[in-house]
Amino acid sequence: MIEDLKPVTVVPVGSTELAGATKVLRKFSALNLARTDAAGLYLMQALRIKQCWSSDFHLGLTDATLATDGK
């Protein structure tokens, strides 16, 4: 189902993305980030994503704008 949502893109996560996520985890080591959050932050930076729908404030740690609950 998620593959049919537009403009959602499913991005595979491999060794490059996990290495980037590790750097994010180190950068924000004082926070309790999940590796999934760190991978998302890395991908948003790498793909230059400027807006993200999320109810997780962690995804707003970089320069992306969060679009939450319709606001």
Protein backbone atom coordinates (compact mmCIF):
# COMPACT_ATOMS: atom_id res chain seq x y z
CA MET A 1 0.00 0.00 0.00
CA ILE A 2 2.72 2.51 0.92
CA GLU A 3 4.23 2.22 -2.56
CA ASP A 4 0.95 3.54 -4.01
CA LEU A 5 0.96 6.73 -1.91
CA LYS A 6 2.07 9.83 -3.75
CA PRO A 7 4.39 11.74 -3.27
CA VAL A 8 5.83 9.09 -0.90
CA THR A 9 9.03 7.43 -2.06
CA VAL A 10 10.38 4.28 -0.43
CA VAL A 11 14.16 4.54 -0.20
CA PRO A 12 16.28 1.45 0.49
CA VAL A 13 18.70 1.66 3.38
CA GLY A 14 22.10 0.04 2.89
CA SER A 15 25.57 0.38 4.34
CA THR A 16 26.02 3.99 3.15
CA GLU A 17 22.79 5.11 4.80
CA LEU A 18 23.57 3.20 8.00
CA ALA A 19 27.00 4.85 8.15
CA GLY A 20 25.28 8.23 7.75
CA ALA A 21 22.80 7.29 10.48
CA THR A 22 25.69 6.43 12.79
CA LYS A 23 27.14 9.92 12.26
CA VAL A 24 23.74 11.43 13.11
CA LEU A 25 23.53 9.30 16.26
CA ARG A 26 26.96 10.57 17.32
CA LYS A 27 26.03 14.19 16.54
CA PHE A 28 22.87 13.97 18.67
CA SER A 29 24.26 11.55 21.26
CA ALA A 30 22.60 13.42 24.13
CA LEU A 31 19.18 12.52 22.71
CA ASN A 32 17.52 9.14 22.79
CA LEU A 33 17.34 8.70 19.00
CA ALA A 34 16.38 5.40 17.44
CA ARG A 35 18.48 4.21 14.54
CA THR A 36 15.39 4.58 12.36
CA ASP A 37 15.12 8.27 13.29
CA ALA A 38 18.83 8.75 12.59
CA ALA A 39 18.50 7.06 9.19
CA GLY A 40 15.54 9.31 8.38
CA LEU A 41 17.51 12.41 9.36
CA TYR A 42 20.45 11.28 7.25
CA LEU A 43 18.24 10.60 4.22
CA MET A 44 16.48 13.95 4.55
CA GLN A 45 19.86 15.68 4.48
CA ALA A 46 21.30 13.53 1.69
CA LEU A 47 18.20 13.88 -0.50
CA ARG A 48 17.74 17.57 0.42
CA ILE A 49 14.22 17.00 1.70
CA LYS A 50 12.95 20.28 3.13
CA GLN A 51 9.59 19.18 4.52
CA CYS A 52 8.60 16.02 6.35
CA TRP A 53 5.27 14.82 7.70
CA SER A 54 5.89 13.41 11.15
CA SER A 55 4.56 13.46 14.66
CA ASP A 56 8.08 12.70 15.92
CA PHE A 57 9.86 15.92 16.84
CA HIS A 58 13.24 14.23 16.32
CA LEU A 59 12.79 14.51 12.56
CA GLY A 60 12.87 18.29 12.97
CA LEU A 61 16.41 18.29 14.40
CA THR A 62 17.89 19.35 11.08
CA ASP A 63 16.66 22.10 8.77
CA ALA A 64 13.59 20.21 7.52
CA THR A 65 10.18 21.67 8.37
CA LEU A 66 7.76 19.29 10.03
CA ALA A 67 4.19 19.19 8.82
CA THR A 68 2.18 17.66 11.65
CA ASP A 69 -1.56 17.19 12.18
CA GLY A 70 -2.48 19.42 9.27
CA LYS A 71 -0.70 22.55 10.51
